[in-house]
Amino acid sequence: MFFGIIRSDQTTLIDRYNIKATPKIIVVKTTEKKPNVYNGEMKFMSIFEFLNIYSEVFVPGGGSSQDSAATKVWLTEVVPELNMKSANDVCLKVDFTVLN
């Protein structure tokens, strides 16, 4: 999982995620349009249980290691290394059968 902090001067993100008060924990998944908002107590176990639901490591079928962004180092590199594993992400996978 990747984490980020939104500061009070970042009004674009505050408006985008409709943040009214801080601190606020939200989970933004690339596959969903609406973020999942945590409304529980700001205590470790409550937060852990909320985030654990979205963690690929502990959720059966949450994602294979091949699909995990954490295993795709090239997605976070400024100049990604092109190799057999990164080719589809770096070069925009193209199905050549459709082009013929």
PDB file of N, CA and C in Angstrom:
ATOM      1  N   MET A   1       0.849  -1.177   0.000  1.00  0.00           N
ATOM      2  CA  MET A   1       0.000   0.000   0.000  1.00  0.00           C
ATOM      3  C   MET A   1       0.890   1.235   0.000  1.00  0.00           C
ATOM      4  N   PHE A   2       0.462   2.246  -0.715  1.00  0.00           N
ATOM      5  CA  PHE A   2       1.146   3.522  -0.712  1.00  0.00           C
ATOM      6  C   PHE A   2       0.318   4.498   0.103  1.00  0.00           C
ATOM      7  N   PHE A   3       0.995   5.367   0.832  1.00  0.00           N
ATOM      8  CA  PHE A   3       0.318   6.344   1.670  1.00  0.00           C
ATOM      9  C   PHE A   3       0.749   7.741   1.270  1.00  0.00           C
ATOM     10  N   GLY A   4      -0.131   8.698   1.495  1.00  0.00           N
ATOM     11  CA  GLY A   4       0.194  10.081   1.229  1.00  0.00           C
ATOM     12  C   GLY A   4      -0.452  10.980   2.258  1.00  0.00           C
ATOM     13  N   ILE A   5       0.043  12.190   2.347  1.00  0.00           N
ATOM     14  CA  ILE A   5      -0.497  13.181   3.267  1.00  0.00           C
ATOM     15  C   ILE A   5      -1.002  14.355   2.443  1.00  0.00           C
ATOM     16  N   ILE A   6      -2.206  14.782   2.756  1.00  0.00           N
ATOM     17  CA  ILE A   6      -2.751  15.979   2.119  1.00  0.00           C
ATOM     18  C   ILE A   6      -2.698  17.097   3.146  1.00  0.00           C
ATOM     19  N   ARG A   7      -2.030  18.157   2.817  1.00  0.00           N
ATOM     20  CA  ARG A   7      -1.898  19.293   3.723  1.00  0.00           C
ATOM     21  C   ARG A   7      -3.010  20.307   3.447  1.00  0.00           C
ATOM     22  N   SER A   8      -3.259  21.172   4.419  1.00  0.00           N
ATOM     23  CA  SER A   8      -4.380  22.110   4.330  1.00  0.00           C
ATOM     24  C   SER A   8      -4.271  23.074   3.148  1.00  0.00           C
ATOM     25  N   ASP A   9      -3.074  23.312   2.636  1.00  0.00           N
ATOM     26  CA  ASP A   9      -2.914  24.230   1.503  1.00  0.00           C
ATOM     27  C   ASP A   9      -3.118  23.548   0.144  1.00  0.00           C
ATOM     28  N   GLN A  10      -3.358  22.250   0.142  1.00  0.00           N
ATOM     29  CA  GLN A  10      -3.571  21.510  -1.104  1.00  0.00           C
ATOM     30  C   GLN A  10      -5.075  21.438  -1.392  1.00  0.00           C
ATOM     31  N   THR A  11      -5.641  22.578  -1.716  1.00  0.00           N
ATOM     32  CA  THR A  11      -7.092  22.698  -1.864  1.00  0.00           C
ATOM     33  C   THR A  11      -7.654  21.850  -2.993  1.00  0.00           C
ATOM     34  N   THR A  12      -6.882  21.582  -4.015  1.00  0.00           N
ATOM     35  CA  THR A  12      -7.365  20.762  -5.123  1.00  0.00           C
ATOM     36  C   THR A  12      -7.714  19.359  -4.638  1.00  0.00           C
ATOM     37  N   LEU A  13      -6.837  18.762  -3.843  1.00  0.00           N
ATOM     38  CA  LEU A  13      -7.092  17.416  -3.322  1.00  0.00           C
ATOM     39  C   LEU A  13      -8.187  17.427  -2.263  1.00  0.00           C
ATOM     40  N   ILE A  14      -8.223  18.460  -1.440  1.00  0.00           N
ATOM     41  CA  ILE A  14      -9.268  18.575  -0.415  1.00  0.00           C
ATOM     42  C   ILE A  14     -10.637  18.648  -1.077  1.00  0.00           C
ATOM     43  N   ASP A  15     -10.742  19.422  -2.144  1.00  0.00           N
ATOM     44  CA  ASP A  15     -12.009  19.520  -2.879  1.00  0.00           C
ATOM     45  C   ASP A  15     -12.330  18.217  -3.605  1.00  0.00           C
ATOM     46  N   ARG A  16     -11.321  17.615  -4.211  1.00  0.00           N
ATOM     47  CA  ARG A  16     -11.534  16.389  -4.985  1.00  0.00           C
ATOM     48  C   ARG A  16     -12.097  15.264  -4.119  1.00  0.00           C
ATOM     49  N   TYR A  17     -11.582  15.123  -2.896  1.00  0.00           N
ATOM     50  CA  TYR A  17     -12.013  14.041  -2.016  1.00  0.00           C
ATOM     51  C   TYR A  17     -12.998  14.517  -0.945  1.00  0.00           C
ATOM     52  N   ASN A  18     -13.454  15.754  -1.069  1.00  0.00           N
ATOM     53  CA  ASN A  18     -14.480  16.313  -0.188  1.00  0.00           C
ATOM     54  C   ASN A  18     -14.110  16.163   1.293  1.00  0.00           C
ATOM     55  N   ILE A  19     -12.894  16.564   1.627  1.00  0.00           N
ATOM     56  CA  ILE A  19     -12.407  16.472   2.999  1.00  0.00           C
ATOM     57  C   ILE A  19     -12.868  17.713   3.750  1.00  0.00           C
ATOM     58  N   LYS A  20     -13.642  17.492   4.818  1.00  0.00           N
ATOM     59  CA  LYS A  20     -14.186  18.597   5.614  1.00  0.00           C
ATOM     60  C   LYS A  20     -13.363  18.857   6.867  1.00  0.00           C
ATOM     61  N   ALA A  21     -12.749  17.810   7.417  1.00  0.00           N
ATOM     62  CA  ALA A  21     -11.977  17.952   8.650  1.00  0.00           C
ATOM     63  C   ALA A  21     -10.784  17.000   8.606  1.00  0.00           C
ATOM     64  N   THR A  22      -9.779  17.322   9.393  1.00  0.00           N
ATOM     65  CA  THR A  22      -8.602  16.464   9.477  1.00  0.00           C
ATOM     66  C   THR A  22      -8.410  16.029  10.911  1.00  0.00           C
ATOM     67  N   PRO A  23      -7.769  14.946  11.209  1.00  0.00           N
ATOM     68  CA  PRO A  23      -7.198  14.014  10.240  1.00  0.00           C
ATOM     69  C   PRO A  23      -8.277  13.162   9.586  1.00  0.00           C
ATOM     70  N   LYS A  24      -8.019  12.705   8.382  1.00  0.00           N
ATOM     71  CA  LYS A  24      -8.966  11.881   7.629  1.00  0.00           C
ATOM     72  C   LYS A  24      -8.174  10.793   6.915  1.00  0.00           C
ATOM     73  N   ILE A  25      -8.668   9.583   6.974  1.00  0.00           N
ATOM     74  CA  ILE A  25      -8.044   8.460   6.280  1.00  0.00           C
ATOM     75  C   ILE A  25      -9.004   7.996   5.194  1.00  0.00           C
ATOM     76  N   ILE A  26      -8.500   7.963   3.968  1.00  0.00           N
ATOM     77  CA  ILE A  26      -9.297   7.459   2.854  1.00  0.00           C
ATOM     78  C   ILE A  26      -8.453   6.471   2.059  1.00  0.00           C
ATOM     79  N   VAL A  27      -9.116   5.522   1.447  1.00  0.00           N
ATOM     80  CA  VAL A  27      -8.451   4.560   0.568  1.00  0.00           C
ATOM     81  C   VAL A  27      -8.959   4.837  -0.835  1.00  0.00           C
ATOM     82  N   VAL A  28      -8.029   5.149  -1.729  1.00  0.00           N
ATOM     83  CA  VAL A  28      -8.373   5.444  -3.113  1.00  0.00           C
ATOM     84  C   VAL A  28      -7.863   4.289  -3.963  1.00  0.00           C
ATOM     85  N   LYS A  29      -8.800   3.536  -4.524  1.00  0.00           N
ATOM     86  CA  LYS A  29      -8.435   2.407  -5.381  1.00  0.00           C
ATOM     87  C   LYS A  29      -8.579   2.839  -6.841  1.00  0.00           C
ATOM     88  N   THR A  30      -7.657   2.406  -7.661  1.00  0.00           N
ATOM     89  CA  THR A  30      -7.688   2.783  -9.073  1.00  0.00           C
ATOM     90  C   THR A  30      -8.870   2.166  -9.801  1.00  0.00           C
ATOM     91  N   THR A  31      -9.429   1.104  -9.235  1.00  0.00           N
ATOM     92  CA  THR A  31     -10.541   0.419  -9.895  1.00  0.00           C
ATOM     93  C   THR A  31     -11.904   0.972  -9.498  1.00  0.00           C
ATOM     94  N   GLU A  32     -11.935   1.923  -8.557  1.00  0.00           N
ATOM     95  CA  GLU A  32     -13.200   2.484  -8.090  1.00  0.00           C
ATOM     96  C   GLU A  32     -13.178   4.001  -8.211  1.00  0.00           C
ATOM     97  N   LYS A  33     -14.318   4.599  -8.506  1.00  0.00           N
ATOM     98  CA  LYS A  33     -14.398   6.050  -8.645  1.00  0.00           C
ATOM     99  C   LYS A  33     -14.496   6.756  -7.297  1.00  0.00           C
ATOM    100  N   LYS A  34     -15.210   6.143  -6.355  1.00  0.00           N
ATOM    101  CA  LYS A  34     -15.438   6.770  -5.057  1.00  0.00           C
ATOM    102  C   LYS A  34     -14.462   6.206  -4.023  1.00  0.00           C
ATOM    103  N   PRO A  35     -13.778   7.084  -3.252  1.00  0.00           N
ATOM    104  CA  PRO A  35     -12.848   6.587  -2.234  1.00  0.00           C
ATOM    105  C   PRO A  35     -13.593   5.983  -1.047  1.00  0.00           C
ATOM    106  N   ASN A  36     -12.922   5.093  -0.338  1.00  0.00           N
ATOM    107  CA  ASN A  36     -13.469   4.488   0.866  1.00  0.00           C
ATOM    108  C   ASN A  36     -12.970   5.289   2.061  1.00  0.00           C
ATOM    109  N   VAL A  37     -13.890   5.850   2.838  1.00  0.00           N
ATOM    110  CA  VAL A  37     -13.547   6.745   3.936  1.00  0.00           C
ATOM    111  C   VAL A  37     -13.599   5.996   5.260  1.00  0.00           C
ATOM    112  N   TYR A  38     -12.571   6.222   6.094  1.00  0.00           N
ATOM    113  CA  TYR A  38     -12.520   5.649   7.433  1.00  0.00           C
ATOM    114  C   TYR A  38     -13.174   6.638   8.387  1.00  0.00           C
ATOM    115  N   ASN A  39     -14.173   6.177   9.125  1.00  0.00           N
ATOM    116  CA  ASN A  39     -14.879   7.040  10.067  1.00  0.00           C
ATOM    117  C   ASN A  39     -14.764   6.564  11.506  1.00  0.00           C
ATOM    118  N   GLY A  40     -13.872   5.616  11.759  1.00  0.00           N
ATOM    119  CA  GLY A  40     -13.723   5.066  13.103  1.00  0.00           C
ATOM    120  C   GLY A  40     -12.815   5.904  13.980  1.00  0.00           C
ATOM    121  N   GLU A  41     -12.483   5.320  15.137  1.00  0.00           N
ATOM    122  CA  GLU A  41     -11.592   5.982  16.085  1.00  0.00           C
ATOM    123  C   GLU A  41     -10.181   6.066  15.524  1.00  0.00           C
ATOM    124  N   MET A  42      -9.466   7.110  15.886  1.00  0.00           N
ATOM    125  CA  MET A  42      -8.077   7.267  15.462  1.00  0.00           C
ATOM    126  C   MET A  42      -7.173   6.521  16.430  1.00  0.00           C
ATOM    127  N   LYS A  43      -7.372   5.205  16.474  1.00  0.00           N
ATOM    128  CA  LYS A  43      -6.553   4.328  17.308  1.00  0.00           C
ATOM    129  C   LYS A  43      -5.987   3.237  16.420  1.00  0.00           C
ATOM    130  N   PHE A  44      -4.816   2.759  16.795  1.00  0.00           N
ATOM    131  CA  PHE A  44      -4.066   1.836  15.947  1.00  0.00           C
ATOM    132  C   PHE A  44      -4.885   0.643  15.476  1.00  0.00           C
ATOM    133  N   MET A  45      -5.481  -0.101  16.390  1.00  0.00           N
ATOM    134  CA  MET A  45      -6.176  -1.335  15.990  1.00  0.00           C
ATOM    135  C   MET A  45      -7.371  -1.052  15.087  1.00  0.00           C
ATOM    136  N   SER A  46      -8.097   0.013  15.348  1.00  0.00           N
ATOM    137  CA  SER A  46      -9.236   0.355  14.495  1.00  0.00           C
ATOM    138  C   SER A  46      -8.773   0.704  13.084  1.00  0.00           C
ATOM    139  N   ILE A  47      -7.714   1.488  13.001  1.00  0.00           N
ATOM    140  CA  ILE A  47      -7.167   1.874  11.698  1.00  0.00           C
ATOM    141  C   ILE A  47      -6.573   0.649  10.995  1.00  0.00           C
ATOM    142  N   PHE A  48      -5.862  -0.192  11.742  1.00  0.00           N
ATOM    143  CA  PHE A  48      -5.272  -1.402  11.172  1.00  0.00           C
ATOM    144  C   PHE A  48      -6.347  -2.298  10.559  1.00  0.00           C
ATOM    145  N   GLU A  49      -7.432  -2.504  11.288  1.00  0.00           N
ATOM    146  CA  GLU A  49      -8.504  -3.374  10.786  1.00  0.00           C
ATOM    147  C   GLU A  49      -9.142  -2.798   9.523  1.00  0.00           C
ATOM    148  N   PHE A  50      -9.292  -1.485   9.460  1.00  0.00           N
ATOM    149  CA  PHE A  50      -9.850  -0.845   8.267  1.00  0.00           C
ATOM    150  C   PHE A  50      -8.909  -1.022   7.079  1.00  0.00           C
ATOM    151  N   LEU A  51      -7.631  -0.698   7.263  1.00  0.00           N
ATOM    152  CA  LEU A  51      -6.664  -0.780   6.166  1.00  0.00           C
ATOM    153  C   LEU A  51      -6.365  -2.215   5.766  1.00  0.00           C
ATOM    154  N   ASN A  52      -6.464  -3.142   6.699  1.00  0.00           N
ATOM    155  CA  ASN A  52      -6.181  -4.547   6.412  1.00  0.00           C
ATOM    156  C   ASN A  52      -7.133  -5.106   5.358  1.00  0.00           C
ATOM    157  N   ILE A  53      -8.336  -4.577   5.308  1.00  0.00           N
ATOM    158  CA  ILE A  53      -9.310  -5.005   4.309  1.00  0.00           C
ATOM    159  C   ILE A  53      -8.790  -4.735   2.898  1.00  0.00           C
ATOM    160  N   TYR A  54      -8.072  -3.632   2.736  1.00  0.00           N
ATOM    161  CA  TYR A  54      -7.597  -3.216   1.419  1.00  0.00           C
ATOM    162  C   TYR A  54      -6.178  -3.678   1.114  1.00  0.00           C
ATOM    163  N   SER A  55      -5.544  -4.315   2.063  1.00  0.00           N
ATOM    164  CA  SER A  55      -4.181  -4.788   1.878  1.00  0.00           C
ATOM    165  C   SER A  55      -4.193  -6.065   1.059  1.00  0.00           C
ATOM    166  N   GLU A  56      -3.418  -6.122  -0.001  1.00  0.00           N
ATOM    167  CA  GLU A  56      -3.356  -7.306  -0.859  1.00  0.00           C
ATOM    168  C   GLU A  56      -2.717  -8.492  -0.158  1.00  0.00           C
ATOM    169  N   VAL A  57      -1.888  -8.243   0.829  1.00  0.00           N
ATOM    170  CA  VAL A  57      -1.166  -9.308   1.498  1.00  0.00           C
ATOM    171  C   VAL A  57      -2.112 -10.198   2.302  1.00  0.00           C
ATOM    172  N   PHE A  58      -3.115  -9.592   2.976  1.00  0.00           N
ATOM    173  CA  PHE A  58      -3.940 -10.343   3.894  1.00  0.00           C
ATOM    174  C   PHE A  58      -5.314 -10.708   3.350  1.00  0.00           C
ATOM    175  N   VAL A  59      -5.676 -10.225   2.190  1.00  0.00           N
ATOM    176  CA  VAL A  59      -6.994 -10.496   1.638  1.00  0.00           C
ATOM    177  C   VAL A  59      -6.886 -11.592   0.591  1.00  0.00           C
ATOM    178  N   PRO A  60      -7.527 -12.747   0.822  1.00  0.00           N
ATOM    179  CA  PRO A  60      -7.480 -13.808  -0.185  1.00  0.00           C
ATOM    180  C   PRO A  60      -8.083 -13.304  -1.499  1.00  0.00           C
ATOM    181  N   GLY A  61      -7.353 -13.492  -2.583  1.00  0.00           N
ATOM    182  CA  GLY A  61      -7.831 -13.049  -3.887  1.00  0.00           C
ATOM    183  C   GLY A  61      -7.704 -11.554  -4.082  1.00  0.00           C
ATOM    184  N   GLY A  62      -7.026 -10.875  -3.146  1.00  0.00           N
ATOM    185  CA  GLY A  62      -6.868  -9.425  -3.231  1.00  0.00           C
ATOM    186  C   GLY A  62      -5.954  -9.015  -4.355  1.00  0.00           C
ATOM    187  N   GLY A  63      -5.204  -9.912  -4.854  1.00  0.00           N
ATOM    188  CA  GLY A  63      -4.313  -9.611  -5.963  1.00  0.00           C
ATOM    189  C   GLY A  63      -3.096 -10.507  -5.888  1.00  0.00           C
ATOM    190  N   SER A  64      -2.594 -10.895  -7.012  1.00  0.00           N
ATOM    191  CA  SER A  64      -1.403 -11.737  -7.023  1.00  0.00           C
ATOM    192  C   SER A  64      -0.178 -10.855  -6.948  1.00  0.00           C
ATOM    193  N   SER A  65       0.958 -11.455  -6.661  1.00  0.00           N
ATOM    194  CA  SER A  65       2.184 -10.667  -6.575  1.00  0.00           C
ATOM    195  C   SER A  65       2.540 -10.058  -7.927  1.00  0.00           C
ATOM    196  N   GLN A  66       2.060 -10.636  -9.015  1.00  0.00           N
ATOM    197  CA  GLN A  66       2.327 -10.074 -10.333  1.00  0.00           C
ATOM    198  C   GLN A  66       1.562  -8.779 -10.541  1.00  0.00           C
ATOM    199  N   ASP A  67       0.392  -8.642  -9.930  1.00  0.00           N
ATOM    200  CA  ASP A  67      -0.438  -7.461 -10.112  1.00  0.00           C
ATOM    201  C   ASP A  67      -0.130  -6.355  -9.116  1.00  0.00           C
ATOM    202  N   SER A  68       0.640  -6.628  -8.090  1.00  0.00           N
ATOM    203  CA  SER A  68       0.905  -5.670  -7.037  1.00  0.00           C
ATOM    204  C   SER A  68       1.826  -4.568  -7.534  1.00  0.00           C
ATOM    205  N   ALA A  69       1.444  -3.307  -7.273  1.00  0.00           N
ATOM    206  CA  ALA A  69       2.283  -2.180  -7.657  1.00  0.00           C
ATOM    207  C   ALA A  69       3.595  -2.200  -6.887  1.00  0.00           C
ATOM    208  N   ALA A  70       3.597  -2.791  -5.708  1.00  0.00           N
ATOM    209  CA  ALA A  70       4.820  -2.865  -4.908  1.00  0.00           C
ATOM    210  C   ALA A  70       5.865  -3.744  -5.583  1.00  0.00           C
ATOM    211  N   THR A  71       5.442  -4.720  -6.372  1.00  0.00           N
ATOM    212  CA  THR A  71       6.390  -5.589  -7.053  1.00  0.00           C
ATOM    213  C   THR A  71       6.781  -5.041  -8.424  1.00  0.00           C
ATOM    214  N   LYS A  72       6.116  -4.003  -8.867  1.00  0.00           N
ATOM    215  CA  LYS A  72       6.424  -3.379 -10.159  1.00  0.00           C
ATOM    216  C   LYS A  72       7.214  -2.098  -9.908  1.00  0.00           C
ATOM    217  N   VAL A  73       8.481  -2.279  -9.577  1.00  0.00           N
ATOM    218  CA  VAL A  73       9.340  -1.157  -9.217  1.00  0.00           C
ATOM    219  C   VAL A  73       9.407  -0.110 -10.331  1.00  0.00           C
ATOM    220  N   TRP A  74       9.350  -0.528 -11.562  1.00  0.00           N
ATOM    221  CA  TRP A  74       9.457   0.376 -12.700  1.00  0.00           C
ATOM    222  C   TRP A  74       8.330   1.401 -12.754  1.00  0.00           C
ATOM    223  N   LEU A  75       7.222   1.151 -12.084  1.00  0.00           N
ATOM    224  CA  LEU A  75       6.119   2.119 -12.081  1.00  0.00           C
ATOM    225  C   LEU A  75       6.432   3.361 -11.262  1.00  0.00           C
ATOM    226  N   THR A  76       7.406   3.269 -10.366  1.00  0.00           N
ATOM    227  CA  THR A  76       7.749   4.416  -9.524  1.00  0.00           C
ATOM    228  C   THR A  76       9.100   5.023  -9.886  1.00  0.00           C
ATOM    229  N   GLU A  77       9.776   4.481 -10.884  1.00  0.00           N
ATOM    230  CA  GLU A  77      11.073   5.008 -11.301  1.00  0.00           C
ATOM    231  C   GLU A  77      10.885   6.146 -12.297  1.00  0.00           C
ATOM    232  N   VAL A  78      11.766   7.156 -12.218  1.00  0.00           N
ATOM    233  CA  VAL A  78      11.705   8.285 -13.152  1.00  0.00           C
ATOM    234  C   VAL A  78      11.958   7.804 -14.572  1.00  0.00           C
ATOM    235  N   VAL A  79      13.002   7.010 -14.741  1.00  0.00           N
ATOM    236  CA  VAL A  79      13.298   6.385 -16.029  1.00  0.00           C
ATOM    237  C   VAL A  79      13.191   4.879 -15.810  1.00  0.00           C
ATOM    238  N   PRO A  80      12.049   4.287 -16.160  1.00  0.00           N
ATOM    239  CA  PRO A  80      11.841   2.869 -15.873  1.00  0.00           C
ATOM    240  C   PRO A  80      12.736   1.963 -16.713  1.00  0.00           C
ATOM    241  N   GLU A  81      13.191   0.889 -16.073  1.00  0.00           N
ATOM    242  CA  GLU A  81      13.998  -0.097 -16.776  1.00  0.00           C
ATOM    243  C   GLU A  81      13.093  -0.959 -17.648  1.00  0.00           C
ATOM    244  N   LEU A  82      13.479  -1.133 -18.882  1.00  0.00           N
ATOM    245  CA  LEU A  82      12.710  -1.972 -19.802  1.00  0.00           C
ATOM    246  C   LEU A  82      13.280  -3.379 -19.760  1.00  0.00           C
ATOM    247  N   ASN A  83      12.451  -4.325 -19.351  1.00  0.00           N
ATOM    248  CA  ASN A  83      12.841  -5.727 -19.348  1.00  0.00           C
ATOM    249  C   ASN A  83      11.590  -6.553 -19.631  1.00  0.00           C
ATOM    250  N   MET A  84      11.712  -7.864 -19.569  1.00  0.00           N
ATOM    251  CA  MET A  84      10.583  -8.724 -19.934  1.00  0.00           C
ATOM    252  C   MET A  84       9.375  -8.481 -19.027  1.00  0.00           C
ATOM    253  N   LYS A  85       9.614  -8.251 -17.731  1.00  0.00           N
ATOM    254  CA  LYS A  85       8.503  -8.045 -16.806  1.00  0.00           C
ATOM    255  C   LYS A  85       7.856  -6.674 -16.964  1.00  0.00           C
ATOM    256  N   SER A  86       8.648  -5.659 -17.287  1.00  0.00           N
ATOM    257  CA  SER A  86       8.120  -4.296 -17.346  1.00  0.00           C
ATOM    258  C   SER A  86       7.600  -3.898 -18.722  1.00  0.00           C
ATOM    259  N   ALA A  87       7.848  -4.691 -19.733  1.00  0.00           N
ATOM    260  CA  ALA A  87       7.545  -4.306 -21.115  1.00  0.00           C
ATOM    261  C   ALA A  87       6.084  -3.897 -21.323  1.00  0.00           C
ATOM    262  N   ASN A  88       5.140  -4.659 -20.800  1.00  0.00           N
ATOM    263  CA  ASN A  88       3.727  -4.336 -21.025  1.00  0.00           C
ATOM    264  C   ASN A  88       3.322  -3.015 -20.386  1.00  0.00           C
ATOM    265  N   ASP A  89       3.891  -2.703 -19.226  1.00  0.00           N
ATOM    266  CA  ASP A  89       3.558  -1.456 -18.550  1.00  0.00           C
ATOM    267  C   ASP A  89       4.302  -0.276 -19.152  1.00  0.00           C
ATOM    268  N   VAL A  90       5.574  -0.463 -19.477  1.00  0.00           N
ATOM    269  CA  VAL A  90       6.404   0.632 -19.991  1.00  0.00           C
ATOM    270  C   VAL A  90       6.047   0.961 -21.438  1.00  0.00           C
ATOM    271  N   CYS A  91       5.808  -0.044 -22.248  1.00  0.00           N
ATOM    272  CA  CYS A  91       5.588   0.160 -23.685  1.00  0.00           C
ATOM    273  C   CYS A  91       4.124   0.139 -24.096  1.00  0.00           C
ATOM    274  N   LEU A  92       3.215   0.142 -23.180  1.00  0.00           N
ATOM    275  CA  LEU A  92       1.783   0.116 -23.486  1.00  0.00           C
ATOM    276  C   LEU A  92       1.446  -1.101 -24.335  1.00  0.00           C
ATOM    277  N   LYS A  93       1.089  -2.152 -23.688  1.00  0.00           N
ATOM    278  CA  LYS A  93       0.808  -3.431 -24.339  1.00  0.00           C
ATOM    279  C   LYS A  93      -0.140  -3.249 -25.531  1.00  0.00           C
ATOM    280  N   VAL A  94       0.243  -3.794 -26.645  1.00  0.00           N
ATOM    281  CA  VAL A  94      -0.546  -3.698 -27.872  1.00  0.00           C
ATOM    282  C   VAL A  94      -0.850  -5.097 -28.373  1.00  0.00           C
ATOM    283  N   ASP A  95      -2.100  -5.324 -28.722  1.00  0.00           N
ATOM    284  CA  ASP A  95      -2.493  -6.606 -29.300  1.00  0.00           C
ATOM    285  C   ASP A  95      -2.383  -6.475 -30.820  1.00  0.00           C
ATOM    286  N   PHE A  96      -1.349  -7.067 -31.401  1.00  0.00           N
ATOM    287  CA  PHE A  96      -1.095  -6.899 -32.826  1.00  0.00           C
ATOM    288  C   PHE A  96      -2.083  -7.646 -33.695  1.00  0.00           C
ATOM    289  N   THR A  97      -2.825  -8.593 -33.147  1.00  0.00           N
ATOM    290  CA  THR A  97      -3.823  -9.310 -33.951  1.00  0.00           C
ATOM    291  C   THR A  97      -4.958  -8.379 -34.344  1.00  0.00           C
ATOM    292  N   VAL A  98      -5.223  -7.356 -33.543  1.00  0.00           N
ATOM    293  CA  VAL A  98      -6.280  -6.402 -33.846  1.00  0.00           C
ATOM    294  C   VAL A  98      -5.862  -5.473 -34.977  1.00  0.00           C
ATOM    295  N   LEU A  99      -4.568  -5.194 -35.086  1.00  0.00           N
ATOM    296  CA  LEU A  99      -4.054  -4.285 -36.112  1.00  0.00           C
ATOM    297  C   LEU A  99      -4.011  -4.884 -37.489  1.00  0.00           C
ATOM    298  N   ASN A 100      -4.023  -6.199 -37.610  1.00  0.00           N
ATOM    299  CA  ASN A 100      -3.930  -6.847 -38.922  1.00  0.00           C
ATOM    300  C   ASN A 100      -5.233  -6.886 -39.652  1.00  0.00           C
TER     301      ASN A 100
END
